[in-house]
Amino acid sequence: MLVDFVCLVCLVAVCSANTVFPSLFFSYKLVPGLRVSVDHSDQMPFSLPEAESLLTRAFEQCLSNGYIIANVPGLKLEDFASFDSFQHIRDQMTKSSTILSMPNVLSNSEGDTLDLNRFESVLSVHCNARMHYIDGVDEDQIPRYRDTRTRVIRVDFPALSSNATDENRNKRLQNYDEMIMKIIREMPTPSISVLFTTNTTKEIDIDEITDKNSIIRENEIPANPKVISLDMRNKVRTSKRMIFPDITVFDKSRYFEYERNEKGERGGLDKDTAKKQSKDDTWLKRKKKKIVKNKSLYRFGEDDKKTTSALANQDFVHDNALLIVCMAGIFAFIVFFDVVKIGFTMLKKVVSTSKRKSE
């Protein structure tokens, strides 16, 4: 409790201008220790140094084969209330093992946001990643893969106007969401990390995002999300401290850190792991394979228990009549030739024997 109070005091002290911006990070593979290193609820504000430290820690481990850093100027927390505008991003989030939701990152007195260039440098140095910079509205700039080297794709989208209607903003965000999905589909790997953020801030009443009594805690969440109380629904609806609460808050499995996408993969074979591995002798067993086919696919004789001659098949004889006649003729000629040869040899032997007797 004392640590939380000190952090809260530091956050308020740092944020003299009371400006915030939202950021969202998710990774297909688990980033070990990232969630447990956050000593407060995601519904509480993050300081700018804290957010950059957490993201740097996630990037420098090089756990993904592809990284997408998306910057949307003018993005606000309220934009995430429209789930339809982020269908592909939300789908990718549900498949991810690690999600770091930062609805309110407190900017410093100068209005700075996340240093995206720093993240690019970390990925370039630690992961030997290749950088690509693309315009968020030009699909032709999406890079095509020709090797297995790690990629970092920096996407800069056009700014969202503060004067635009909610309908226009949602339409633009839908287009941005589809662009990100097209980039993901070009990557020949599901192991992807995405950072969705902005370089603009918004003023906010600091008391609205620092009140601990407004936090929805894990023990308050029912096991069945369908029975959420009306008070909690209203609390979520009016809250200014959540991004996609159905995934980040009400999915109780997100409060535990574990790998969700370890499919057919084995851990590192160190000494301890090797001892724990069960003995696998299945490769020594004789393999038996039975092929079951539809009767219409059987060739002649395959479906009979007794082997029968192909000459009993009228269709076969009709289709190969010329070949059968030729083969029979050749066989008859060979037999006739051998009989004549044998007869000639015997006749020659008889003649030679009679000559010897006459002499």
Protein backbone atom coordinates (compact mmCIF):
# COMPACT_ATOMS: atom_id res chain seq x y z
CA MET A 1 0.00 0.00 0.00
CA LEU A 2 2.84 2.37 0.85
CA VAL A 3 4.48 1.65 -2.51
CA ASP A 4 1.23 2.38 -4.36
CA PHE A 5 0.80 5.65 -2.45
CA VAL A 6 4.36 6.76 -3.25
CA CYS A 7 3.89 5.88 -6.93
CA LEU A 8 0.64 7.82 -7.01
CA VAL A 9 2.28 10.88 -5.47
CA CYS A 10 5.12 10.66 -7.98
CA LEU A 11 2.69 10.39 -10.87
CA VAL A 12 0.79 13.47 -9.77
CA ALA A 13 4.02 15.39 -9.25
CA VAL A 14 5.33 14.47 -12.68
CA CYS A 15 2.10 15.35 -14.44
CA SER A 16 1.86 19.05 -13.72
CA ALA A 17 0.04 19.66 -17.01
CA ASN A 18 -2.38 16.74 -16.45
CA THR A 19 -2.14 15.48 -20.02
CA VAL A 20 -2.43 11.82 -20.95
CA PHE A 21 -2.45 9.56 -23.99
CA PRO A 22 -3.46 5.89 -24.52
CA SER A 23 -1.17 3.05 -25.61
CA LEU A 24 -1.80 -0.62 -26.23
CA PHE A 25 0.78 -3.40 -26.56
CA PHE A 26 0.15 -7.08 -27.20
CA SER A 27 2.41 -9.99 -28.11
CA TYR A 28 1.54 -13.39 -29.57
CA LYS A 29 4.29 -14.99 -27.49
CA LEU A 30 4.53 -14.59 -23.74
CA VAL A 31 6.82 -11.85 -22.44
CA PRO A 32 7.87 -13.42 -19.12
CA GLY A 33 7.70 -11.17 -16.09
CA LEU A 34 6.19 -8.18 -17.89
CA ARG A 35 2.78 -8.32 -16.22
CA VAL A 36 4.07 -9.07 -12.73
CA SER A 37 6.51 -6.17 -12.94
CA VAL A 38 3.55 -3.73 -13.03
CA ASP A 39 2.92 -3.01 -9.35
CA HIS A 40 -0.49 -1.40 -9.89
CA SER A 41 -3.69 -2.00 -11.79
CA ASP A 42 -3.82 -1.16 -15.50
CA GLN A 43 -6.75 1.07 -14.61
CA MET A 44 -4.36 3.37 -12.77
CA PRO A 45 -2.25 5.82 -14.79
CA PHE A 46 1.26 4.96 -15.96
CA SER A 47 4.07 7.47 -15.81
CA LEU A 48 5.91 8.07 -19.09
CA PRO A 49 9.23 6.60 -17.81
CA GLU A 50 7.39 3.54 -16.49
CA ALA A 51 5.61 2.92 -19.80
CA GLU A 52 8.83 3.28 -21.79
CA SER A 53 10.68 0.99 -19.39
CA LEU A 54 8.03 -1.74 -19.68
CA LEU A 55 7.92 -1.57 -23.46
CA THR A 56 11.70 -1.52 -23.73
CA ARG A 57 11.82 -4.64 -21.58
CA ALA A 58 9.31 -6.33 -23.88
CA PHE A 59 11.18 -5.38 -27.05
CA GLU A 60 14.74 -6.16 -25.96
CA GLN A 61 13.88 -9.83 -25.31
CA CYS A 62 13.35 -10.38 -29.06
CA LEU A 63 10.55 -12.90 -28.54
CA SER A 64 8.68 -12.07 -31.75
CA ASN A 65 9.61 -12.49 -35.41
CA GLY A 66 7.77 -9.34 -36.44
CA TYR A 67 6.97 -6.02 -34.77
CA ILE A 68 4.42 -3.39 -35.75
CA ILE A 69 4.66 0.09 -34.25
CA ALA A 70 1.55 2.05 -35.22
CA ASN A 71 1.26 5.77 -34.52
CA VAL A 72 -2.15 7.46 -34.81
CA PRO A 73 -1.97 11.21 -34.10
CA GLY A 74 -5.13 12.48 -32.42
CA LEU A 75 -6.04 9.09 -30.93
CA LYS A 76 -8.06 9.33 -27.69
CA LEU A 77 -9.11 6.80 -25.10
CA GLU A 78 -12.75 7.35 -26.07
CA ASP A 79 -12.01 6.00 -29.56
CA PHE A 80 -11.55 2.50 -28.13
CA ALA A 81 -15.19 2.48 -27.02
CA SER A 82 -16.18 1.56 -30.58
CA PHE A 83 -15.33 -2.14 -30.75
CA ASP A 84 -16.40 -2.31 -34.41
CA SER A 85 -13.56 0.04 -35.33
CA PHE A 86 -10.95 -2.42 -34.04
CA GLN A 87 -12.25 -5.82 -35.09
CA HIS A 88 -8.92 -7.14 -36.38
CA ILE A 89 -6.86 -5.69 -33.54
CA ARG A 90 -9.26 -7.17 -30.98
CA ASP A 91 -9.10 -10.55 -32.71
CA GLN A 92 -5.30 -10.44 -32.61
CA MET A 93 -5.41 -9.46 -28.94
CA THR A 94 -7.50 -12.49 -27.98
CA LYS A 95 -4.81 -14.72 -29.53
CA SER A 96 -1.98 -12.98 -27.69
CA SER A 97 -0.24 -14.35 -24.61
CA THR A 98 0.76 -10.93 -23.28
CA ILE A 99 -1.36 -7.77 -23.25
CA LEU A 100 -0.23 -4.50 -21.72
CA SER A 101 -3.11 -2.03 -21.67
CA MET A 102 -2.16 1.54 -20.76
CA PRO A 103 -5.33 3.65 -21.05
CA ASN A 104 -3.71 6.68 -19.44
CA VAL A 105 0.00 7.37 -19.78
CA LEU A 106 0.87 10.61 -18.02
CA SER A 107 2.89 12.94 -20.18
CA ASN A 108 5.62 15.14 -18.74
CA SER A 109 5.46 18.91 -18.49
CA GLU A 110 6.63 19.26 -22.09
CA GLY A 111 3.83 17.10 -23.46
CA ASP A 112 6.13 14.29 -24.61
CA THR A 113 4.82 10.86 -25.60
CA LEU A 114 6.51 7.51 -26.13
CA ASP A 115 9.91 7.68 -27.80
CA LEU A 116 9.24 5.39 -30.75
CA ASN A 117 12.72 5.98 -32.16
CA ARG A 118 14.14 4.51 -28.97
CA PHE A 119 12.12 1.33 -29.44
CA GLU A 120 13.30 1.05 -33.03
CA SER A 121 16.90 1.38 -31.88
CA VAL A 122 16.41 -1.31 -29.22
CA LEU A 123 14.97 -3.74 -31.78
CA SER A 124 17.67 -2.94 -34.31
CA VAL A 125 20.53 -3.47 -31.84
CA HIS A 126 19.20 -6.35 -29.73
CA CYS A 127 17.25 -8.28 -32.37
CA ASN A 128 19.16 -7.38 -35.56
CA ALA A 129 15.82 -6.29 -36.98
CA ARG A 130 15.29 -4.68 -40.36
CA MET A 131 13.32 -1.43 -40.31
CA HIS A 132 10.49 -0.52 -42.67
CA TYR A 133 8.63 2.80 -42.69
CA ILE A 134 5.27 2.94 -44.43
CA ASP A 135 2.43 5.40 -44.89
CA GLY A 136 -0.71 4.20 -43.16
CA VAL A 137 -2.86 4.67 -46.25
CA ASP A 138 -0.55 3.19 -48.92
CA GLU A 139 -0.86 -0.60 -49.16
CA ASP A 140 1.83 -0.76 -51.85
CA GLN A 141 4.44 0.17 -49.24
CA ILE A 142 3.80 -2.99 -47.21
CA PRO A 143 7.07 -4.96 -47.45
CA ARG A 144 7.19 -8.46 -48.93
CA TYR A 145 9.20 -11.10 -47.13
CA ARG A 146 12.15 -12.76 -48.87
CA ASP A 147 14.04 -14.02 -45.84
CA THR A 148 13.56 -14.91 -42.18
CA ARG A 149 15.12 -11.81 -40.65
CA THR A 150 13.12 -10.04 -37.94
CA ARG A 151 11.10 -7.09 -39.25
CA VAL A 152 10.02 -3.86 -37.57
CA ILE A 153 7.27 -2.06 -39.47
CA ARG A 154 6.66 1.52 -38.40
CA VAL A 155 3.24 2.71 -39.58
CA ASP A 156 2.39 6.40 -39.40
CA PHE A 157 -1.31 7.01 -39.97
CA PRO A 158 -2.90 10.35 -40.89
CA ALA A 159 -4.04 12.38 -37.90
CA LEU A 160 -7.57 12.10 -36.56
CA SER A 161 -9.20 15.52 -36.55
CA SER A 162 -10.59 16.70 -33.22
CA ASN A 163 -13.42 18.42 -35.12
CA ALA A 164 -14.51 15.25 -36.91
CA THR A 165 -17.73 13.51 -35.90
CA ASP A 166 -17.60 10.20 -34.05
CA GLU A 167 -18.87 8.45 -37.17
CA ASN A 168 -16.03 9.83 -39.30
CA ARG A 169 -13.44 8.99 -36.66
CA ASN A 170 -14.73 5.43 -36.37
CA LYS A 171 -14.64 5.02 -40.15
CA ARG A 172 -11.02 6.20 -40.27
CA LEU A 173 -10.08 3.87 -37.42
CA GLN A 174 -11.72 0.96 -39.25
CA ASN A 175 -9.48 1.68 -42.23
CA TYR A 176 -6.43 1.83 -39.96
CA ASP A 177 -7.46 -1.46 -38.37
CA GLU A 178 -7.73 -3.13 -41.78
CA MET A 179 -4.33 -1.75 -42.76
CA ILE A 180 -2.71 -3.32 -39.70
CA MET A 181 -4.35 -6.66 -40.49
CA LYS A 182 -3.02 -6.53 -44.07
CA ILE A 183 0.47 -6.00 -42.68
CA ILE A 184 0.04 -8.94 -40.31
CA ARG A 185 -1.13 -11.18 -43.16
CA GLU A 186 2.01 -10.38 -45.14
CA MET A 187 4.18 -11.64 -42.30
CA PRO A 188 5.02 -15.36 -42.66
CA THR A 189 4.73 -15.92 -38.91
CA PRO A 190 2.05 -15.64 -36.22
CA SER A 191 4.67 -14.53 -33.69
CA ILE A 192 4.01 -10.78 -33.87
CA SER A 193 4.04 -7.93 -31.36
CA VAL A 194 2.01 -4.76 -31.91
CA LEU A 195 2.30 -1.36 -30.26
CA PHE A 196 -0.70 0.88 -31.00
CA THR A 197 -0.16 4.40 -29.70
CA THR A 198 -0.27 8.12 -30.47
CA ASN A 199 2.04 11.11 -30.34
CA THR A 200 -0.61 13.56 -29.14
CA THR A 201 -1.93 14.17 -25.63
CA LYS A 202 -5.21 15.24 -24.09
CA GLU A 203 -5.91 17.20 -20.93
CA ILE A 204 -7.77 15.35 -18.19
CA ASP A 205 -8.91 15.76 -14.62
CA ILE A 206 -6.27 13.84 -12.69
CA ASP A 207 -8.76 12.91 -9.95
CA GLU A 208 -10.82 10.90 -12.44
CA ILE A 209 -7.99 8.46 -13.15
CA THR A 210 -6.26 8.26 -9.76
CA ASP A 211 -9.20 7.31 -7.54
CA LYS A 212 -8.46 3.77 -6.33
CA ASN A 213 -12.06 3.23 -5.26
CA SER A 214 -13.08 3.24 -8.92
CA ILE A 215 -10.86 0.29 -9.78
CA ILE A 216 -12.63 -2.95 -10.71
CA ARG A 217 -10.62 -5.63 -8.95
CA GLU A 218 -10.29 -9.28 -9.88
CA ASN A 219 -12.28 -10.53 -6.89
CA GLU A 220 -15.22 -8.32 -7.92
CA ILE A 221 -15.49 -9.93 -11.34
CA PRO A 222 -18.02 -12.80 -11.56
CA ALA A 223 -16.92 -16.12 -13.02
CA ASN A 224 -19.63 -15.77 -15.66
CA PRO A 225 -19.30 -12.42 -17.52
CA LYS A 226 -22.99 -12.62 -18.46
CA VAL A 227 -24.05 -11.97 -14.86
CA ILE A 228 -22.19 -8.68 -14.42
CA SER A 229 -24.24 -6.40 -12.21
CA LEU A 230 -25.92 -3.28 -13.55
CA ASP A 231 -23.81 -1.05 -11.30
CA MET A 232 -20.61 -2.54 -12.69
CA ARG A 233 -21.87 -2.14 -16.26
CA ASN A 234 -22.56 1.54 -15.63
CA LYS A 235 -19.17 1.87 -13.99
CA VAL A 236 -17.46 0.46 -17.06
CA ARG A 237 -19.58 2.53 -19.43
CA THR A 238 -18.58 5.80 -17.75
CA SER A 239 -15.01 4.81 -16.94
CA LYS A 240 -12.06 6.69 -18.46
CA ARG A 241 -9.45 4.12 -17.52
CA MET A 242 -10.06 1.00 -19.64
CA ILE A 243 -9.22 -0.22 -23.14
CA PHE A 244 -11.45 -3.09 -24.33
CA PRO A 245 -12.57 -4.09 -20.80
CA ASP A 246 -14.08 -7.36 -22.00
CA ILE A 247 -10.55 -8.56 -22.82
CA THR A 248 -8.29 -6.68 -20.42
CA VAL A 249 -10.51 -6.54 -17.31
CA PHE A 250 -13.29 -9.15 -17.37
CA ASP A 251 -11.25 -11.99 -18.86
CA LYS A 252 -10.00 -13.46 -15.59
CA SER A 253 -7.37 -15.57 -17.35
CA ARG A 254 -5.53 -12.35 -18.19
CA TYR A 255 -4.61 -11.94 -14.54
CA PHE A 256 -2.32 -14.96 -14.88
CA GLU A 257 0.87 -15.08 -16.90
CA TYR A 258 1.22 -18.16 -19.11
CA GLU A 259 2.04 -19.08 -22.68
CA ARG A 260 -1.15 -19.48 -24.72
CA ASN A 261 0.45 -20.35 -28.05
CA GLU A 262 2.87 -23.16 -27.28
CA LYS A 263 1.57 -25.48 -29.97
CA GLY A 264 3.86 -28.37 -30.84
CA GLU A 265 6.88 -26.55 -29.47
CA ARG A 266 9.42 -27.91 -27.04
CA GLY A 267 11.37 -25.98 -24.47
CA GLY A 268 15.12 -25.65 -24.39
CA LEU A 269 16.85 -29.00 -23.87
CA ASP A 270 19.01 -28.12 -20.90
CA LYS A 271 20.12 -30.76 -18.38
CA ASP A 272 17.16 -30.34 -16.06
CA THR A 273 14.64 -30.35 -18.89
CA ALA A 274 16.21 -33.43 -20.47
CA LYS A 275 15.88 -35.37 -17.20
CA LYS A 276 12.19 -34.54 -16.97
CA GLN A 277 11.47 -35.63 -20.53
CA SER A 278 9.66 -38.98 -20.64
CA LYS A 279 11.26 -41.72 -22.70
CA ASP A 280 9.75 -41.83 -26.16
CA ASP A 281 10.19 -45.17 -27.94
CA THR A 282 7.25 -44.83 -30.30
CA TRP A 283 9.63 -44.46 -33.24
CA LEU A 284 10.82 -48.05 -32.60
CA LYS A 285 7.37 -49.56 -32.99
CA ARG A 286 6.32 -51.14 -36.25
CA LYS A 287 4.04 -48.78 -38.10
CA LYS A 288 0.79 -50.12 -39.46
CA LYS A 289 -1.21 -48.20 -41.95
CA LYS A 290 -4.62 -49.11 -43.26
CA ILE A 291 -6.00 -47.25 -46.23
CA VAL A 292 -9.78 -47.07 -46.41
CA LYS A 293 -11.18 -46.02 -49.77
CA ASN A 294 -14.61 -45.68 -51.28
CA LYS A 295 -15.60 -48.65 -53.44
CA SER A 296 -15.85 -46.38 -56.46
CA LEU A 297 -12.12 -45.68 -56.14
CA TYR A 298 -11.06 -49.35 -56.15
CA ARG A 299 -9.32 -50.71 -59.20
CA PHE A 300 -10.38 -54.08 -60.57
CA GLY A 301 -9.70 -56.85 -58.08
CA GLU A 302 -8.73 -54.59 -55.15
CA ASP A 303 -12.02 -55.02 -53.34
CA ASP A 304 -12.08 -58.82 -53.67
CA LYS A 305 -10.75 -61.08 -50.96
CA LYS A 306 -9.45 -63.51 -53.61
CA THR A 307 -7.12 -62.35 -56.33
CA THR A 308 -8.71 -62.75 -59.79
CA SER A 309 -7.23 -62.45 -63.24
CA ALA A 310 -7.57 -59.18 -65.09
CA LEU A 311 -8.63 -61.20 -68.17
CA ALA A 312 -11.91 -61.89 -66.41
CA ASN A 313 -12.76 -58.23 -66.70
CA GLN A 314 -14.55 -57.67 -70.01
CA ASP A 315 -13.86 -53.96 -70.00
CA PHE A 316 -10.16 -54.59 -69.51
CA VAL A 317 -10.07 -57.16 -72.32
CA HIS A 318 -12.03 -54.87 -74.66
CA ASP A 319 -9.83 -51.84 -73.97
CA ASN A 320 -6.59 -53.80 -74.37
CA ALA A 321 -7.62 -56.30 -77.08
CA LEU A 322 -4.87 -55.32 -79.53
CA LEU A 323 -2.19 -55.54 -76.88
CA ILE A 324 -3.46 -58.93 -75.69
CA VAL A 325 -3.53 -60.32 -79.28
CA CYS A 326 0.00 -59.07 -79.91
CA MET A 327 1.31 -60.54 -76.68
CA ALA A 328 -0.43 -63.85 -77.38
CA GLY A 329 1.00 -63.92 -80.92
CA ILE A 330 4.50 -63.23 -79.67
CA PHE A 331 4.15 -65.93 -77.01
CA ALA A 332 2.85 -68.42 -79.63
CA PHE A 333 5.70 -67.57 -82.00
CA ILE A 334 8.28 -68.09 -79.24
CA VAL A 335 6.75 -71.44 -78.32
CA PHE A 336 6.57 -72.51 -81.99
CA PHE A 337 10.18 -71.44 -82.55
CA ASP A 338 11.37 -73.39 -79.51
CA VAL A 339 9.43 -76.52 -80.61
CA VAL A 340 10.92 -76.33 -84.13
CA LYS A 341 14.38 -75.78 -82.68
CA ILE A 342 14.04 -78.77 -80.37
CA GLY A 343 12.71 -80.95 -83.21
CA PHE A 344 15.52 -79.88 -85.52
CA THR A 345 18.09 -80.65 -82.81
CA MET A 346 16.63 -84.11 -82.20
CA LEU A 347 16.49 -84.84 -85.95
CA LYS A 348 20.11 -83.80 -86.33
CA LYS A 349 21.12 -86.07 -83.46
CA VAL A 350 19.26 -89.04 -85.02
CA VAL A 351 20.91 -88.48 -88.42
CA SER A 352 24.39 -88.27 -86.88
CA THR A 353 23.75 -91.46 -84.88
CA SER A 354 22.62 -93.40 -87.98
CA LYS A 355 25.73 -92.29 -89.87
CA ARG A 356 28.01 -93.62 -87.17
CA LYS A 357 26.23 -97.00 -87.27
CA SER A 358 26.53 -97.27 -91.06
CA GLU A 359 30.22 -96.62 -90.92
